[in-house]
N, C-alpha and C. Protein backbone atom coordinates (compact mmCIF):
# COMPACT_ATOMS: atom_id res chain seq x y z
N UNK A 1 0.85 -1.19 0.00
CA UNK A 1 0.00 0.00 0.00
C UNK A 1 0.89 1.25 0.00
N UNK A 2 0.57 2.20 -0.86
CA UNK A 2 1.34 3.43 -0.93
C UNK A 2 0.45 4.63 -0.63
N UNK A 3 1.02 5.58 0.11
CA UNK A 3 0.31 6.81 0.43
C UNK A 3 1.04 7.95 -0.28
N UNK A 4 0.35 8.58 -1.22
CA UNK A 4 1.01 9.57 -2.07
C UNK A 4 0.83 11.00 -1.57
N UNK A 5 -0.17 11.23 -0.75
CA UNK A 5 -0.45 12.58 -0.29
C UNK A 5 0.37 12.90 0.95
N UNK A 6 1.09 13.99 0.93
CA UNK A 6 1.84 14.41 2.11
C UNK A 6 0.88 15.04 3.12
N UNK A 7 1.12 14.77 4.38
CA UNK A 7 0.23 15.27 5.44
C UNK A 7 1.05 16.00 6.51
N UNK A 8 0.32 16.69 7.37
CA UNK A 8 0.90 17.22 8.59
C UNK A 8 0.54 16.29 9.75
N UNK A 9 1.48 16.07 10.65
CA UNK A 9 1.22 15.35 11.90
C UNK A 9 1.14 16.37 13.01
N UNK A 10 -0.03 16.52 13.59
CA UNK A 10 -0.24 17.49 14.67
C UNK A 10 0.08 16.82 16.00
N UNK A 11 1.33 16.45 16.17
CA UNK A 11 1.77 15.78 17.40
C UNK A 11 3.29 15.84 17.47
N UNK A 12 3.79 16.12 18.67
CA UNK A 12 5.24 16.11 18.88
C UNK A 12 5.72 14.73 19.33
N UNK A 13 4.82 13.75 19.37
CA UNK A 13 5.17 12.42 19.85
C UNK A 13 6.15 11.74 18.89
N UNK A 14 7.34 11.38 19.36
CA UNK A 14 8.27 10.67 18.48
C UNK A 14 7.74 9.31 18.05
N UNK A 15 6.89 8.70 18.88
CA UNK A 15 6.33 7.39 18.52
C UNK A 15 5.40 7.51 17.32
N UNK A 16 4.56 8.54 17.30
CA UNK A 16 3.65 8.71 16.16
C UNK A 16 4.44 9.01 14.88
N UNK A 17 5.46 9.82 15.01
CA UNK A 17 6.33 10.11 13.86
C UNK A 17 6.96 8.82 13.33
N UNK A 18 7.48 8.00 14.23
CA UNK A 18 8.13 6.74 13.81
C UNK A 18 7.13 5.78 13.15
N UNK A 19 5.90 5.74 13.67
CA UNK A 19 4.90 4.85 13.08
C UNK A 19 4.54 5.31 11.67
N UNK A 20 4.41 6.61 11.45
CA UNK A 20 4.13 7.09 10.10
C UNK A 20 5.28 6.78 9.15
N UNK A 21 6.52 6.89 9.64
CA UNK A 21 7.67 6.50 8.82
C UNK A 21 7.59 5.02 8.46
N UNK A 22 7.24 4.20 9.46
CA UNK A 22 7.10 2.75 9.23
C UNK A 22 6.05 2.47 8.16
N UNK A 23 4.98 3.27 8.15
CA UNK A 23 3.89 3.10 7.18
C UNK A 23 4.24 3.66 5.80
N UNK A 24 5.34 4.41 5.71
CA UNK A 24 5.71 5.03 4.44
C UNK A 24 4.90 6.26 4.12
N UNK A 25 4.45 6.97 5.14
CA UNK A 25 3.63 8.17 4.95
C UNK A 25 4.51 9.41 5.02
N UNK A 26 4.57 10.17 3.92
CA UNK A 26 5.32 11.42 3.91
C UNK A 26 4.58 12.44 4.78
N UNK A 27 5.30 13.03 5.72
CA UNK A 27 4.63 13.95 6.63
C UNK A 27 5.61 14.97 7.20
N UNK A 28 5.03 16.05 7.68
CA UNK A 28 5.76 17.09 8.39
C UNK A 28 5.17 17.20 9.79
N UNK A 29 6.03 17.20 10.79
CA UNK A 29 5.57 17.33 12.17
C UNK A 29 5.33 18.80 12.47
N UNK A 30 4.13 19.12 12.93
CA UNK A 30 3.78 20.48 13.30
C UNK A 30 4.04 20.70 14.79
N UNK A 31 4.57 21.85 15.11
CA UNK A 31 4.76 22.23 16.50
C UNK A 31 3.72 23.29 16.83
N UNK A 32 2.48 22.83 16.98
CA UNK A 32 1.37 23.75 17.25
C UNK A 32 1.39 24.15 18.72
N UNK A 33 1.37 25.44 19.03
CA UNK A 33 1.37 25.85 20.44
C UNK A 33 0.16 25.29 21.17
N UNK A 34 0.39 24.78 22.38
CA UNK A 34 -0.70 24.24 23.20
C UNK A 34 -1.54 25.39 23.74
N UNK A 35 -2.82 25.14 23.94
CA UNK A 35 -3.66 26.19 24.52
C UNK A 35 -3.29 26.43 25.98
N UNK A 36 -3.53 27.63 26.49
CA UNK A 36 -3.21 27.89 27.89
C UNK A 36 -4.11 27.11 28.84
N UNK A 37 -3.64 26.93 30.06
CA UNK A 37 -4.45 26.27 31.08
C UNK A 37 -4.15 24.79 31.19
N UNK A 38 -5.06 24.07 31.82
CA UNK A 38 -4.89 22.65 32.08
C UNK A 38 -4.78 21.85 30.79
N UNK A 39 -3.91 20.86 30.81
CA UNK A 39 -3.70 20.02 29.63
C UNK A 39 -4.89 19.10 29.42
N UNK A 40 -5.66 19.36 28.37
CA UNK A 40 -6.77 18.51 27.95
C UNK A 40 -7.72 18.15 29.12
N UNK A 41 -8.37 19.14 29.71
CA UNK A 41 -9.28 18.85 30.82
C UNK A 41 -10.48 18.03 30.36
N UNK A 42 -10.99 17.21 31.28
CA UNK A 42 -12.15 16.38 31.01
C UNK A 42 -13.42 17.15 31.37
N UNK A 43 -14.42 17.08 30.54
CA UNK A 43 -15.68 17.76 30.80
C UNK A 43 -16.49 16.98 31.83
N UNK A 44 -17.33 17.66 32.54
CA UNK A 44 -18.17 17.03 33.56
C UNK A 44 -19.06 15.97 32.91
N UNK A 45 -19.04 14.76 33.46
CA UNK A 45 -19.88 13.69 32.97
C UNK A 45 -19.41 13.04 31.69
N UNK A 46 -18.24 13.43 31.20
CA UNK A 46 -17.74 12.92 29.92
C UNK A 46 -17.13 11.54 30.11
N UNK A 47 -17.54 10.58 29.28
CA UNK A 47 -16.98 9.23 29.36
C UNK A 47 -15.57 9.23 28.78
N UNK A 48 -14.73 8.27 29.17
CA UNK A 48 -13.39 8.20 28.59
C UNK A 48 -13.40 8.10 27.07
N UNK A 49 -14.35 7.33 26.52
CA UNK A 49 -14.42 7.18 25.06
C UNK A 49 -14.76 8.51 24.39
N UNK A 50 -15.71 9.25 24.96
CA UNK A 50 -16.06 10.56 24.39
C UNK A 50 -14.91 11.55 24.57
N UNK A 51 -14.23 11.46 25.70
CA UNK A 51 -13.10 12.36 25.97
C UNK A 51 -12.01 12.22 24.92
N UNK A 52 -11.61 11.00 24.61
CA UNK A 52 -10.49 10.81 23.68
C UNK A 52 -10.89 11.23 22.27
N UNK A 53 -12.13 11.03 21.89
CA UNK A 53 -12.60 11.50 20.58
C UNK A 53 -12.57 13.02 20.51
N UNK A 54 -13.09 13.66 21.54
CA UNK A 54 -13.15 15.13 21.55
C UNK A 54 -11.76 15.74 21.52
N UNK A 55 -10.85 15.24 22.34
CA UNK A 55 -9.52 15.84 22.40
C UNK A 55 -8.76 15.66 21.08
N UNK A 56 -8.94 14.52 20.42
CA UNK A 56 -8.27 14.32 19.12
C UNK A 56 -8.83 15.30 18.09
N UNK A 57 -10.16 15.49 18.09
CA UNK A 57 -10.76 16.46 17.16
C UNK A 57 -10.27 17.87 17.45
N UNK A 58 -10.17 18.22 18.73
CA UNK A 58 -9.71 19.56 19.09
C UNK A 58 -8.28 19.78 18.64
N UNK A 59 -7.44 18.76 18.76
CA UNK A 59 -6.05 18.87 18.29
C UNK A 59 -6.00 19.12 16.79
N UNK A 60 -6.83 18.38 16.04
CA UNK A 60 -6.84 18.53 14.59
C UNK A 60 -7.31 19.92 14.19
N UNK A 61 -8.40 20.39 14.79
CA UNK A 61 -8.94 21.71 14.44
C UNK A 61 -8.01 22.84 14.87
N UNK A 62 -7.33 22.66 16.01
CA UNK A 62 -6.36 23.66 16.46
C UNK A 62 -5.21 23.76 15.46
N UNK A 63 -4.77 22.61 14.94
CA UNK A 63 -3.70 22.61 13.95
C UNK A 63 -4.14 23.26 12.64
N UNK A 64 -5.36 22.96 12.20
CA UNK A 64 -5.88 23.57 10.97
C UNK A 64 -5.94 25.09 11.12
N UNK A 65 -6.41 25.56 12.27
CA UNK A 65 -6.49 27.01 12.51
C UNK A 65 -5.10 27.64 12.55
N UNK A 66 -4.15 26.93 13.16
CA UNK A 66 -2.79 27.46 13.26
C UNK A 66 -2.13 27.53 11.88
N UNK A 67 -2.33 26.51 11.05
CA UNK A 67 -1.76 26.49 9.70
C UNK A 67 -2.24 27.70 8.91
N UNK A 68 -3.51 28.08 9.11
CA UNK A 68 -4.07 29.20 8.36
C UNK A 68 -3.40 30.53 8.72
N UNK A 69 -2.71 30.58 9.85
CA UNK A 69 -2.01 31.81 10.26
C UNK A 69 -0.54 31.79 9.85
N UNK A 70 -0.08 30.68 9.30
CA UNK A 70 1.32 30.53 8.91
C UNK A 70 1.45 30.51 7.39
N UNK A 71 2.65 30.71 6.93
CA UNK A 71 2.92 30.63 5.48
C UNK A 71 3.24 29.19 5.13
N UNK A 72 2.22 28.31 5.27
CA UNK A 72 2.41 26.89 5.04
C UNK A 72 1.44 26.42 3.95
N UNK A 73 1.87 25.45 3.14
CA UNK A 73 0.94 24.91 2.14
C UNK A 73 -0.21 24.16 2.82
N UNK A 74 -1.36 24.16 2.18
CA UNK A 74 -2.52 23.46 2.71
C UNK A 74 -2.37 21.96 2.45
N UNK A 75 -2.41 21.17 3.49
CA UNK A 75 -2.32 19.71 3.42
C UNK A 75 -3.22 19.12 4.49
N UNK A 76 -3.65 17.87 4.32
CA UNK A 76 -4.43 17.21 5.38
C UNK A 76 -3.63 17.15 6.69
N UNK A 77 -4.36 17.17 7.79
CA UNK A 77 -3.75 17.13 9.12
C UNK A 77 -4.19 15.87 9.84
N UNK A 78 -3.22 15.15 10.38
CA UNK A 78 -3.51 13.96 11.19
C UNK A 78 -3.23 14.28 12.65
N UNK A 79 -4.22 14.00 13.50
CA UNK A 79 -4.06 14.21 14.94
C UNK A 79 -4.53 12.96 15.67
N UNK A 80 -4.01 12.76 16.86
CA UNK A 80 -4.41 11.58 17.64
C UNK A 80 -4.33 11.91 19.12
N UNK A 81 -5.11 11.16 19.89
CA UNK A 81 -5.01 11.25 21.35
C UNK A 81 -5.20 9.86 21.92
N UNK A 82 -4.43 9.56 22.95
CA UNK A 82 -4.47 8.25 23.60
C UNK A 82 -4.88 8.41 25.05
N UNK A 83 -5.82 7.60 25.47
CA UNK A 83 -6.31 7.64 26.85
C UNK A 83 -6.23 6.26 27.48
N UNK A 84 -5.68 6.21 28.69
CA UNK A 84 -5.64 4.99 29.49
C UNK A 84 -6.69 5.15 30.59
N UNK A 85 -7.53 4.13 30.74
CA UNK A 85 -8.51 4.27 31.82
C UNK A 85 -8.85 2.92 32.45
N UNK A 86 -9.24 3.02 33.71
CA UNK A 86 -9.76 1.88 34.48
C UNK A 86 -11.15 2.28 34.94
N UNK A 87 -12.14 1.47 34.56
CA UNK A 87 -13.51 1.85 34.89
C UNK A 87 -13.82 3.16 34.21
N UNK A 88 -14.18 4.16 34.98
CA UNK A 88 -14.50 5.48 34.43
C UNK A 88 -13.40 6.49 34.74
N UNK A 89 -12.29 6.02 35.28
CA UNK A 89 -11.20 6.92 35.67
C UNK A 89 -10.13 6.98 34.58
N UNK A 90 -9.83 8.19 34.13
CA UNK A 90 -8.78 8.39 33.14
C UNK A 90 -7.45 8.57 33.85
N UNK A 91 -6.45 7.84 33.37
CA UNK A 91 -5.09 7.99 33.88
C UNK A 91 -4.29 8.75 32.82
N UNK A 92 -4.06 10.02 33.07
CA UNK A 92 -3.36 10.86 32.10
C UNK A 92 -1.85 10.75 32.24
N UNK A 93 -1.17 11.80 31.83
CA UNK A 93 0.28 11.84 31.95
C UNK A 93 0.64 12.23 33.38
N UNK A 94 1.61 11.57 33.99
CA UNK A 94 1.94 11.89 35.38
C UNK A 94 2.57 13.27 35.50
N UNK A 95 2.26 13.93 36.61
CA UNK A 95 2.85 15.25 36.85
C UNK A 95 4.21 15.15 37.50
N UNK A 96 4.47 14.02 38.18
CA UNK A 96 5.77 13.80 38.82
C UNK A 96 5.92 12.31 39.12
N UNK A 97 7.04 11.95 39.75
CA UNK A 97 7.30 10.53 40.03
C UNK A 97 6.27 9.94 40.99
N UNK A 98 5.82 10.72 41.96
CA UNK A 98 4.82 10.19 42.90
C UNK A 98 3.52 9.86 42.18
N UNK A 99 3.13 10.73 41.26
CA UNK A 99 1.92 10.50 40.47
C UNK A 99 2.10 9.24 39.62
N UNK A 100 3.28 9.07 39.02
CA UNK A 100 3.55 7.88 38.20
C UNK A 100 3.49 6.62 39.06
N UNK A 101 4.04 6.65 40.25
CA UNK A 101 4.00 5.49 41.15
C UNK A 101 2.56 5.11 41.47
N UNK A 102 1.72 6.11 41.76
CA UNK A 102 0.32 5.83 42.10
C UNK A 102 -0.41 5.19 40.92
N UNK A 103 -0.16 5.70 39.71
CA UNK A 103 -0.82 5.12 38.53
C UNK A 103 -0.37 3.69 38.31
N UNK A 104 0.91 3.43 38.42
CA UNK A 104 1.43 2.08 38.19
C UNK A 104 0.90 1.11 39.24
N UNK A 105 0.71 1.58 40.47
CA UNK A 105 0.11 0.71 41.50
C UNK A 105 -1.34 0.38 41.14
N UNK A 106 -2.05 1.34 40.56
CA UNK A 106 -3.44 1.08 40.14
C UNK A 106 -3.50 0.08 39.00
N UNK A 107 -2.55 0.17 38.07
CA UNK A 107 -2.53 -0.72 36.91
C UNK A 107 -2.01 -2.10 37.25
N UNK A 108 -1.22 -2.20 38.29
CA UNK A 108 -0.58 -3.46 38.68
C UNK A 108 -1.61 -4.56 38.92
N UNK A 109 -1.44 -5.68 38.20
CA UNK A 109 -2.30 -6.84 38.41
C UNK A 109 -3.70 -6.69 37.86
N UNK A 110 -3.93 -5.70 36.99
CA UNK A 110 -5.27 -5.45 36.48
C UNK A 110 -5.28 -5.42 34.95
N UNK A 111 -6.48 -5.43 34.40
CA UNK A 111 -6.67 -5.18 32.98
C UNK A 111 -7.27 -3.79 32.84
N UNK A 112 -6.63 -2.97 32.01
CA UNK A 112 -7.14 -1.62 31.77
C UNK A 112 -7.38 -1.44 30.28
N UNK A 113 -8.02 -0.34 29.93
CA UNK A 113 -8.34 -0.06 28.53
C UNK A 113 -7.51 1.11 28.01
N UNK A 114 -7.14 0.99 26.75
CA UNK A 114 -6.44 2.08 26.07
C UNK A 114 -7.21 2.39 24.79
N UNK A 115 -7.69 3.61 24.69
CA UNK A 115 -8.36 4.06 23.48
C UNK A 115 -7.48 5.11 22.81
N UNK A 116 -7.28 4.97 21.51
CA UNK A 116 -6.61 6.00 20.73
C UNK A 116 -7.53 6.44 19.61
N UNK A 117 -7.86 7.72 19.61
CA UNK A 117 -8.67 8.30 18.55
C UNK A 117 -7.74 8.96 17.54
N UNK A 118 -8.00 8.70 16.26
CA UNK A 118 -7.22 9.29 15.17
C UNK A 118 -8.17 10.11 14.32
N UNK A 119 -7.77 11.34 14.02
CA UNK A 119 -8.61 12.24 13.24
C UNK A 119 -7.80 12.76 12.06
N UNK A 120 -8.40 12.70 10.87
CA UNK A 120 -7.82 13.26 9.67
C UNK A 120 -8.66 14.46 9.26
N UNK A 121 -8.04 15.63 9.24
CA UNK A 121 -8.74 16.87 8.90
C UNK A 121 -8.32 17.35 7.52
N UNK A 122 -9.30 17.51 6.66
CA UNK A 122 -9.09 18.15 5.36
C UNK A 122 -9.90 19.43 5.40
N UNK A 123 -9.23 20.53 5.74
CA UNK A 123 -9.95 21.76 6.03
C UNK A 123 -10.76 21.56 7.30
N UNK A 124 -12.06 21.87 7.23
CA UNK A 124 -12.92 21.68 8.40
C UNK A 124 -13.61 20.31 8.40
N UNK A 125 -13.37 19.51 7.36
CA UNK A 125 -13.97 18.17 7.30
C UNK A 125 -13.12 17.19 8.09
N UNK A 126 -13.74 16.49 9.04
CA UNK A 126 -13.02 15.55 9.90
C UNK A 126 -13.49 14.12 9.67
N UNK A 127 -12.52 13.21 9.51
CA UNK A 127 -12.79 11.77 9.53
C UNK A 127 -12.13 11.21 10.78
N UNK A 128 -12.77 10.23 11.39
CA UNK A 128 -12.30 9.74 12.69
C UNK A 128 -12.36 8.22 12.76
N UNK A 129 -11.37 7.65 13.43
CA UNK A 129 -11.37 6.23 13.77
C UNK A 129 -10.89 6.10 15.22
N UNK A 130 -11.36 5.07 15.90
CA UNK A 130 -10.93 4.85 17.28
C UNK A 130 -10.48 3.40 17.45
N UNK A 131 -9.32 3.23 18.03
CA UNK A 131 -8.77 1.92 18.37
C UNK A 131 -9.01 1.67 19.86
N UNK A 132 -9.51 0.47 20.20
CA UNK A 132 -9.79 0.13 21.59
C UNK A 132 -9.05 -1.16 21.94
N UNK A 133 -8.23 -1.10 22.96
CA UNK A 133 -7.38 -2.24 23.33
C UNK A 133 -7.45 -2.47 24.83
N UNK A 134 -7.56 -3.74 25.22
CA UNK A 134 -7.47 -4.11 26.63
C UNK A 134 -6.06 -4.61 26.91
N UNK A 135 -5.48 -4.12 27.99
CA UNK A 135 -4.10 -4.45 28.34
C UNK A 135 -4.06 -4.99 29.76
N UNK A 136 -3.47 -6.18 29.93
CA UNK A 136 -3.30 -6.74 31.28
C UNK A 136 -1.85 -6.59 31.71
N UNK A 137 -1.69 -5.94 32.86
CA UNK A 137 -0.36 -5.74 33.43
C UNK A 137 -0.16 -6.70 34.59
N UNK A 138 1.01 -7.29 34.66
CA UNK A 138 1.30 -8.21 35.76
C UNK A 138 1.33 -7.46 37.08
N UNK A 139 1.31 -8.19 38.16
CA UNK A 139 1.41 -7.56 39.47
C UNK A 139 2.85 -7.07 39.67
N UNK A 140 2.99 -5.79 39.93
CA UNK A 140 4.31 -5.18 40.06
C UNK A 140 4.72 -5.06 41.52
N UNK A 141 5.96 -5.36 41.80
CA UNK A 141 6.50 -5.14 43.14
C UNK A 141 6.87 -3.67 43.28
N UNK A 142 7.00 -3.22 44.52
CA UNK A 142 7.41 -1.83 44.76
C UNK A 142 8.78 -1.57 44.14
N UNK A 143 9.65 -2.58 44.19
CA UNK A 143 10.99 -2.42 43.61
C UNK A 143 10.92 -2.23 42.10
N UNK A 144 10.03 -2.96 41.44
CA UNK A 144 9.88 -2.81 39.99
C UNK A 144 9.35 -1.42 39.64
N UNK A 145 8.40 -0.95 40.42
CA UNK A 145 7.84 0.38 40.17
C UNK A 145 8.91 1.45 40.37
N UNK A 146 9.69 1.32 41.45
CA UNK A 146 10.76 2.30 41.72
C UNK A 146 11.80 2.29 40.61
N UNK A 147 12.20 1.10 40.19
CA UNK A 147 13.22 1.00 39.15
C UNK A 147 12.72 1.58 37.84
N UNK A 148 11.45 1.34 37.52
CA UNK A 148 10.89 1.86 36.28
C UNK A 148 10.78 3.38 36.33
N UNK A 149 10.31 3.92 37.43
CA UNK A 149 10.20 5.37 37.56
C UNK A 149 11.58 6.03 37.48
N UNK A 150 12.61 5.35 37.99
CA UNK A 150 13.96 5.90 37.96
C UNK A 150 14.50 6.07 36.54
N UNK A 151 13.92 5.34 35.57
CA UNK A 151 14.36 5.48 34.18
C UNK A 151 13.85 6.77 33.54
N UNK A 152 12.81 7.38 34.14
CA UNK A 152 12.20 8.57 33.56
C UNK A 152 11.20 8.26 32.46
N UNK A 153 11.06 6.98 32.12
CA UNK A 153 10.18 6.60 31.01
C UNK A 153 8.70 6.92 31.25
N UNK A 154 8.20 6.86 32.49
CA UNK A 154 6.77 7.13 32.69
C UNK A 154 6.34 8.56 32.32
N UNK A 155 7.28 9.50 32.39
CA UNK A 155 6.90 10.90 32.18
C UNK A 155 6.49 11.15 30.73
N UNK A 156 5.41 11.91 30.59
CA UNK A 156 4.92 12.26 29.26
C UNK A 156 4.10 11.17 28.60
N UNK A 157 3.77 10.11 29.36
CA UNK A 157 3.02 9.00 28.77
C UNK A 157 1.73 8.77 29.54
N UNK A 158 0.64 8.63 28.81
CA UNK A 158 -0.65 8.35 29.43
C UNK A 158 -0.55 7.05 30.22
N UNK A 159 -1.04 7.07 31.46
CA UNK A 159 -0.98 5.88 32.29
C UNK A 159 0.38 5.60 32.89
N UNK A 160 1.35 6.47 32.62
CA UNK A 160 2.70 6.36 33.18
C UNK A 160 3.52 5.19 32.67
N UNK A 161 3.21 4.71 31.46
CA UNK A 161 4.07 3.65 30.91
C UNK A 161 4.06 3.71 29.39
N UNK A 162 5.14 3.19 28.81
CA UNK A 162 5.25 3.07 27.36
C UNK A 162 5.41 1.60 27.01
N UNK A 163 4.44 1.04 26.29
CA UNK A 163 4.48 -0.39 25.97
C UNK A 163 5.66 -0.73 25.05
N UNK A 164 6.16 0.26 24.31
CA UNK A 164 7.26 0.02 23.39
C UNK A 164 8.62 0.12 24.09
N UNK A 165 8.61 0.45 25.38
CA UNK A 165 9.86 0.59 26.13
C UNK A 165 10.02 -0.52 27.16
N UNK A 166 10.60 -0.16 28.29
CA UNK A 166 10.89 -1.16 29.32
C UNK A 166 9.63 -1.74 29.95
N UNK A 167 8.54 -1.01 29.88
CA UNK A 167 7.29 -1.51 30.46
C UNK A 167 6.75 -2.71 29.71
N UNK A 168 7.29 -3.00 28.53
CA UNK A 168 6.86 -4.21 27.80
C UNK A 168 7.05 -5.45 28.67
N UNK A 169 8.01 -5.40 29.58
CA UNK A 169 8.26 -6.53 30.49
C UNK A 169 7.11 -6.75 31.47
N UNK A 170 6.26 -5.74 31.63
CA UNK A 170 5.15 -5.83 32.59
C UNK A 170 3.86 -6.33 31.96
N UNK A 171 3.80 -6.38 30.63
CA UNK A 171 2.53 -6.63 29.94
C UNK A 171 2.32 -8.13 29.70
N UNK A 172 1.31 -8.69 30.36
CA UNK A 172 1.01 -10.12 30.22
C UNK A 172 0.23 -10.41 28.94
N UNK A 173 -0.68 -9.49 28.57
CA UNK A 173 -1.59 -9.79 27.46
C UNK A 173 -2.19 -8.49 26.93
N UNK A 174 -2.36 -8.43 25.60
CA UNK A 174 -3.16 -7.34 25.04
C UNK A 174 -4.18 -7.94 24.09
N UNK A 175 -5.34 -7.32 24.05
CA UNK A 175 -6.40 -7.70 23.11
C UNK A 175 -6.76 -6.45 22.35
N UNK A 176 -6.21 -6.33 21.13
CA UNK A 176 -6.45 -5.13 20.34
C UNK A 176 -5.21 -4.74 19.57
N UNK A 177 -4.92 -3.46 19.52
CA UNK A 177 -3.86 -2.91 18.68
C UNK A 177 -2.64 -2.52 19.50
N UNK A 178 -1.52 -3.18 19.23
CA UNK A 178 -0.26 -2.81 19.90
C UNK A 178 0.13 -1.38 19.53
N UNK A 179 0.05 -1.05 18.23
CA UNK A 179 0.43 0.30 17.80
C UNK A 179 -0.55 1.34 18.36
N UNK A 180 -1.79 0.92 18.60
CA UNK A 180 -2.75 1.83 19.22
C UNK A 180 -2.34 2.19 20.64
N UNK A 181 -1.81 1.21 21.37
CA UNK A 181 -1.33 1.48 22.73
C UNK A 181 -0.10 2.39 22.67
N UNK A 182 0.71 2.24 21.62
CA UNK A 182 1.87 3.12 21.44
C UNK A 182 1.44 4.56 21.17
N UNK A 183 0.25 4.75 20.58
CA UNK A 183 -0.22 6.10 20.34
C UNK A 183 -0.74 6.39 18.95
N UNK A 184 -0.57 5.42 18.00
CA UNK A 184 -1.11 5.63 16.66
C UNK A 184 -1.42 4.27 16.04
N UNK A 185 -2.69 3.86 16.05
CA UNK A 185 -3.04 2.54 15.51
C UNK A 185 -2.87 2.49 14.00
N UNK A 186 -2.02 1.58 13.54
CA UNK A 186 -1.65 1.53 12.13
C UNK A 186 -2.85 1.20 11.25
N UNK A 187 -3.65 0.22 11.64
CA UNK A 187 -4.77 -0.19 10.80
C UNK A 187 -5.75 0.96 10.60
N UNK A 188 -6.18 1.57 11.70
CA UNK A 188 -7.16 2.65 11.62
C UNK A 188 -6.60 3.87 10.89
N UNK A 189 -5.32 4.18 11.13
CA UNK A 189 -4.70 5.30 10.45
C UNK A 189 -4.63 5.05 8.94
N UNK A 190 -4.27 3.82 8.58
CA UNK A 190 -4.23 3.45 7.17
C UNK A 190 -5.59 3.58 6.50
N UNK A 191 -6.65 3.19 7.21
CA UNK A 191 -8.00 3.33 6.65
C UNK A 191 -8.34 4.79 6.36
N UNK A 192 -7.96 5.69 7.27
CA UNK A 192 -8.23 7.11 7.04
C UNK A 192 -7.43 7.64 5.86
N UNK A 193 -6.14 7.28 5.79
CA UNK A 193 -5.27 7.82 4.76
C UNK A 193 -5.64 7.27 3.37
N UNK A 194 -6.20 6.08 3.33
CA UNK A 194 -6.62 5.52 2.04
C UNK A 194 -7.66 6.41 1.36
N UNK A 195 -8.42 7.13 2.16
CA UNK A 195 -9.48 7.99 1.61
C UNK A 195 -8.90 9.18 0.85
N UNK A 196 -7.60 9.45 1.05
CA UNK A 196 -6.96 10.55 0.34
C UNK A 196 -6.54 10.17 -1.07
N UNK A 197 -6.53 8.85 -1.35
CA UNK A 197 -6.06 8.37 -2.67
C UNK A 197 -6.98 8.83 -3.79
């Protein structure tokens, strides 16, 4: 499969960039300024599934608006958001090591869900796909949690872990998309990009 249309990636995530390279998708990474205030706040009564869809759409539309203020060629914009949750509780990016430790203790010995929403924006027209994956993490000892946090890997990652890094040693089972847990589901992204052909 070949993707001929060049796109913008509205994400600074090196993992998403690497996945698009793996897919053979020509793209430019946009450094869109984040909005002021809390990082991606959750609305009252919003389910985790609705939250991840909304935040991915907001990222795409923010990038489209930003491009219109720059001297940049018009191209489709790809945006994504990944959410880790247990029950109705969203586990976002940790604010510090203590926050990461608490999240890892919650995930230890449990199955949690990871949803990644992918949005392709062509102007104001949005196409969307969502990847849903269940991930079972083994029971972690305090020593394992401390050693993992000491690597710095939990920072900047939803749920305080990266499945493509050292935390792979903690994962007993996944049902769904491995690349979706990384932050950009290849199958769903490919389906969106095929529409550009």
